[in-house]
Amino acid sequence: MSSTRDELRHVMLGSLFTPEVPLGSTRDILITCHVSATGKGKLHGSPECRTLRSAASVNQIDVPFGEAVARLCPSCRWPLPTNSLILPLGAAASEVDSLAIRLDRESKDEEDLKAERDAAIALAAGEYPPRATESGDEAEKDDDEAGRDEEWERYDRARNFRSRRHEHWRRLHSYLTRSNEAVSEYPFLAPWADGLQSRLATALDEERRAFAALVQPIRLLEAAAVRILPEP
């Protein structure tokens, strides 16, 4: 029985696959492509692709996926049966390829590094500002209160910084885990994925160590104990 529209998925193959991605047995699957009458240029998933509008005529051809992948139009969607083996492989390749985006994130600027250093210094002293000493002078009291407000803001920033660092570390870990699961499902992806995974593992360890530098177990224990101590 031929596939109906509901049994098809329209996929941007050109953005999922590059010639570097191992294809396994899917390389022999025929996909229907549209190309200009000269047979040159990109292969398209639809004859309506705007880059084909200038062509005098368009031909429809069936091409093995492995031969087509280097010429796939990045803007076109190909109608594929929902049981096509290309679909789950594309999802696995996407999980691995997304690691490159995580690795290309912007490096920290000087302001970020300064905030991290200040957070480490603050949290090394405790989770909260040290207790203030009482002053009998009213003007000094006002100054002390203003200073205390600034200190509380500083410690709030430090704790928030640590929380964001932890979230980022765990997020990177989830990306690496998903890519490992993809390679486990398709072992032939391993040679292609290894470089990206190794680089992310290195970045992950750097994030772990950066988070650990913001954690002072004894200070966390003291802060937790404060909640159950009687009021002075």
Protein backbone atom coordinates (compact mmCIF):
# COMPACT_ATOMS: atom_id res chain seq x y z
CA MET A 1 0.00 0.00 0.00
CA SER A 2 1.41 3.41 -0.90
CA SER A 3 2.11 5.89 1.85
CA THR A 4 -0.47 8.59 2.52
CA ARG A 5 0.34 12.15 3.55
CA ASP A 6 -0.32 11.22 7.18
CA GLU A 7 2.26 8.44 6.96
CA LEU A 8 5.03 10.76 5.83
CA ARG A 9 7.38 13.00 7.72
CA HIS A 10 8.95 15.96 5.98
CA VAL A 11 12.55 16.23 7.11
CA MET A 12 15.34 18.71 6.36
CA LEU A 13 17.92 16.08 5.51
CA GLY A 14 20.45 18.66 4.38
CA SER A 15 20.63 20.15 7.88
CA LEU A 16 20.81 16.75 9.62
CA PHE A 17 23.43 15.00 7.51
CA THR A 18 26.84 16.00 6.19
CA PRO A 19 29.32 13.86 4.25
CA GLU A 20 31.23 13.28 7.52
CA VAL A 21 28.33 11.45 9.19
CA PRO A 22 28.59 7.64 8.80
CA LEU A 23 25.37 6.30 7.26
CA GLY A 24 25.60 2.57 7.79
CA SER A 25 23.05 0.61 5.77
CA THR A 26 20.96 3.73 5.09
CA ARG A 27 23.42 4.78 2.40
CA ASP A 28 21.71 2.39 -0.03
CA ILE A 29 18.18 3.70 0.57
CA LEU A 30 16.80 5.49 -2.47
CA ILE A 31 15.41 8.97 -1.90
CA THR A 32 13.44 10.96 -4.46
CA CYS A 33 15.16 14.19 -5.43
CA HIS A 34 14.53 17.06 -7.81
CA VAL A 35 17.33 18.59 -9.84
CA SER A 36 17.73 20.99 -12.72
CA ALA A 37 17.77 19.50 -16.21
CA THR A 38 21.56 19.87 -16.33
CA GLY A 39 21.84 17.40 -13.43
CA LYS A 40 24.27 19.74 -11.68
CA GLY A 41 23.96 21.61 -8.42
CA LYS A 42 22.04 20.72 -5.29
CA LEU A 43 19.48 17.97 -4.96
CA HIS A 44 16.11 19.16 -3.69
CA GLY A 45 13.27 17.61 -1.75
CA SER A 46 10.62 19.57 -3.64
CA PRO A 47 10.37 20.96 -7.18
CA GLU A 48 9.01 24.14 -5.59
CA CYS A 49 12.31 25.01 -3.92
CA ARG A 50 13.05 28.66 -4.71
CA THR A 51 16.58 27.86 -5.87
CA LEU A 52 15.04 25.80 -8.70
CA ARG A 53 12.84 28.62 -9.97
CA SER A 54 15.48 29.85 -12.41
CA ALA A 55 15.91 26.36 -13.93
CA ALA A 56 14.41 25.91 -17.39
CA SER A 57 13.13 22.48 -16.36
CA VAL A 58 13.34 20.15 -13.39
CA ASN A 59 13.85 16.39 -13.34
CA GLN A 60 12.82 13.92 -10.65
CA ILE A 61 15.34 11.19 -9.90
CA ASP A 62 15.88 8.48 -7.30
CA VAL A 63 19.35 8.60 -5.74
CA PRO A 64 21.01 6.36 -3.12
CA PHE A 65 21.15 8.32 0.11
CA GLY A 66 24.91 7.84 0.41
CA GLU A 67 25.46 9.47 -3.00
CA ALA A 68 22.96 12.25 -2.39
CA VAL A 69 24.09 13.42 1.05
CA ALA A 70 26.90 15.68 -0.20
CA ARG A 71 24.49 17.52 -2.50
CA LEU A 72 21.40 17.87 -0.30
CA CYS A 73 19.78 21.30 -0.30
CA PRO A 74 19.89 22.58 3.31
CA SER A 75 16.54 24.36 2.93
CA CYS A 76 14.43 21.53 1.52
CA ARG A 77 12.29 18.97 3.31
CA TRP A 78 12.12 15.40 2.02
CA PRO A 79 8.92 13.37 2.50
CA LEU A 80 9.97 10.12 4.16
CA PRO A 81 7.82 7.18 5.38
CA THR A 82 7.50 7.21 9.15
CA ASN A 83 9.22 3.80 9.26
CA SER A 84 12.22 4.97 7.21
CA LEU A 85 15.54 3.97 8.79
CA ILE A 86 16.87 7.42 7.95
CA LEU A 87 14.66 9.07 10.56
CA PRO A 88 16.05 7.48 13.76
CA LEU A 89 19.59 7.75 12.40
CA GLY A 90 18.98 11.45 11.79
CA ALA A 91 17.82 11.89 15.39
CA ALA A 92 20.95 10.11 16.66
CA ALA A 93 23.23 12.19 14.43
CA SER A 94 21.53 15.35 15.70
CA GLU A 95 22.26 14.41 19.32
CA VAL A 96 25.96 14.06 18.48
CA ASP A 97 26.18 17.09 16.21
CA SER A 98 24.57 19.34 18.83
CA LEU A 99 27.71 18.88 20.95
CA ALA A 100 29.54 21.20 18.56
CA ILE A 101 27.11 23.99 19.46
CA ARG A 102 27.82 23.51 23.16
CA LEU A 103 31.56 23.54 22.55
CA ASP A 104 31.43 26.72 20.45
CA ARG A 105 29.74 28.74 23.19
CA GLU A 106 31.25 32.14 23.90
CA SER A 107 34.18 32.17 26.29
CA LYS A 108 33.92 34.05 29.56
CA ASP A 109 34.74 37.74 29.50
CA GLU A 110 36.63 39.57 32.22
CA GLU A 111 33.41 40.57 34.00
CA ASP A 112 32.35 36.91 34.29
CA LEU A 113 35.77 35.92 35.63
CA LYS A 114 35.66 38.75 38.16
CA ALA A 115 32.18 37.67 39.34
CA GLU A 116 33.38 34.08 39.70
CA ARG A 117 36.41 35.09 41.74
CA ASP A 118 34.28 37.26 44.01
CA ALA A 119 31.73 34.44 44.48
CA ALA A 120 34.50 32.03 45.50
CA ILE A 121 35.91 34.53 48.01
CA ALA A 122 32.49 35.25 49.54
CA LEU A 123 31.41 31.62 49.80
CA ALA A 124 34.73 30.61 51.31
CA ALA A 125 33.78 32.75 54.32
CA GLY A 126 30.26 31.32 54.60
CA GLU A 127 26.84 31.17 53.02
CA TYR A 128 25.80 34.52 54.50
CA PRO A 129 27.56 37.75 55.48
CA PRO A 130 29.34 37.69 58.84
CA ARG A 131 27.29 39.03 61.73
CA ALA A 132 27.64 42.81 62.10
CA THR A 133 28.76 44.46 65.32
CA GLU A 134 26.38 46.96 66.91
CA SER A 135 27.30 50.64 66.83
CA GLY A 136 25.97 53.31 69.20
CA ASP A 137 26.31 56.17 66.72
CA GLU A 138 23.17 56.75 64.53
CA ALA A 139 25.16 57.88 61.49
CA GLU A 140 27.38 54.86 61.77
CA LYS A 141 24.31 52.64 62.10
CA ASP A 142 22.93 54.01 58.83
CA ASP A 143 26.26 53.39 57.12
CA ASP A 144 26.41 49.90 58.60
CA GLU A 145 22.89 49.10 57.35
CA ALA A 146 23.76 50.28 53.85
CA GLY A 147 26.91 48.20 53.93
CA ARG A 148 24.97 45.19 55.18
CA ASP A 149 22.51 45.52 52.29
CA GLU A 150 25.41 45.52 49.86
CA GLU A 151 26.91 42.46 51.55
CA TRP A 152 23.61 40.56 51.38
CA GLU A 153 23.35 41.39 47.68
CA ARG A 154 26.91 40.17 47.20
CA TYR A 155 26.17 36.83 48.87
CA ASP A 156 22.92 36.47 46.94
CA ARG A 157 24.86 36.94 43.71
CA ALA A 158 27.47 34.41 44.83
CA ARG A 159 24.87 31.74 45.66
CA ASN A 160 23.00 32.38 42.41
CA PHE A 161 26.28 32.15 40.51
CA ARG A 162 27.00 28.78 42.11
CA SER A 163 23.48 27.55 41.32
CA ARG A 164 23.82 28.53 37.65
CA ARG A 165 27.23 26.86 37.49
CA HIS A 166 25.73 23.63 38.83
CA GLU A 167 22.82 23.76 36.36
CA HIS A 168 25.21 24.31 33.47
CA TRP A 169 27.40 21.41 34.55
CA ARG A 170 24.40 19.08 34.78
CA ARG A 171 23.09 20.29 31.43
CA LEU A 172 26.38 19.50 29.71
CA HIS A 173 26.32 16.08 31.36
CA SER A 174 22.85 15.40 29.90
CA TYR A 175 24.06 16.34 26.40
CA LEU A 176 26.99 13.94 26.68
CA THR A 177 24.73 11.18 28.04
CA ARG A 178 22.27 11.53 25.16
CA SER A 179 25.07 11.45 22.59
CA ASN A 180 26.48 8.30 24.24
CA GLU A 181 23.06 6.68 24.00
CA ALA A 182 22.88 7.61 20.30
CA VAL A 183 26.28 6.05 19.61
CA SER A 184 25.30 2.98 21.61
CA GLU A 185 22.30 2.60 19.30
CA TYR A 186 24.43 3.18 16.17
CA PRO A 187 28.01 2.03 16.93
CA PHE A 188 29.21 2.97 13.43
CA LEU A 189 28.82 6.64 14.50
CA ALA A 190 31.60 6.24 17.09
CA PRO A 191 34.59 7.32 14.93
CA TRP A 192 32.76 10.50 13.93
CA ALA A 193 31.42 11.21 17.43
CA ASP A 194 34.60 10.47 19.38
CA GLY A 195 36.28 13.84 18.84
CA LEU A 196 33.23 15.86 19.87
CA GLN A 197 32.53 13.65 22.86
CA SER A 198 36.13 13.83 24.07
CA ARG A 199 36.14 17.61 23.85
CA LEU A 200 32.85 17.88 25.70
CA ALA A 201 34.09 15.48 28.39
CA THR A 202 37.06 17.82 28.92
CA ALA A 203 34.75 20.85 29.12
CA LEU A 204 32.50 18.93 31.49
CA ASP A 205 35.39 18.23 33.87
CA GLU A 206 36.37 21.90 33.79
CA GLU A 207 32.80 22.87 34.72
CA ARG A 208 32.79 20.30 37.54
CA ARG A 209 35.99 21.68 39.00
CA ALA A 210 34.73 25.26 38.66
CA PHE A 211 31.55 24.33 40.55
CA ALA A 212 33.52 22.45 43.21
CA ALA A 213 35.56 25.61 43.84
CA LEU A 214 32.32 27.34 44.88
CA VAL A 215 31.30 24.61 47.33
CA GLN A 216 32.59 24.71 50.90
CA PRO A 217 31.07 21.66 52.69
CA ILE A 218 31.67 22.97 56.21
CA ARG A 219 30.00 26.29 55.35
CA LEU A 220 27.02 24.51 53.82
CA LEU A 221 26.72 22.38 56.96
CA GLU A 222 26.82 25.43 59.18
CA ALA A 223 24.18 27.19 57.09
CA ALA A 224 21.93 24.14 57.26
CA ALA A 225 22.38 23.91 61.04
CA VAL A 226 21.26 27.51 61.52
CA ARG A 227 17.69 26.54 60.62
CA ILE A 228 17.35 24.21 63.62
CA LEU A 229 19.28 26.22 66.21
CA PRO A 230 17.32 28.15 68.88
CA GLU A 231 17.21 31.91 68.48
CA PRO A 232 19.92 33.66 70.54
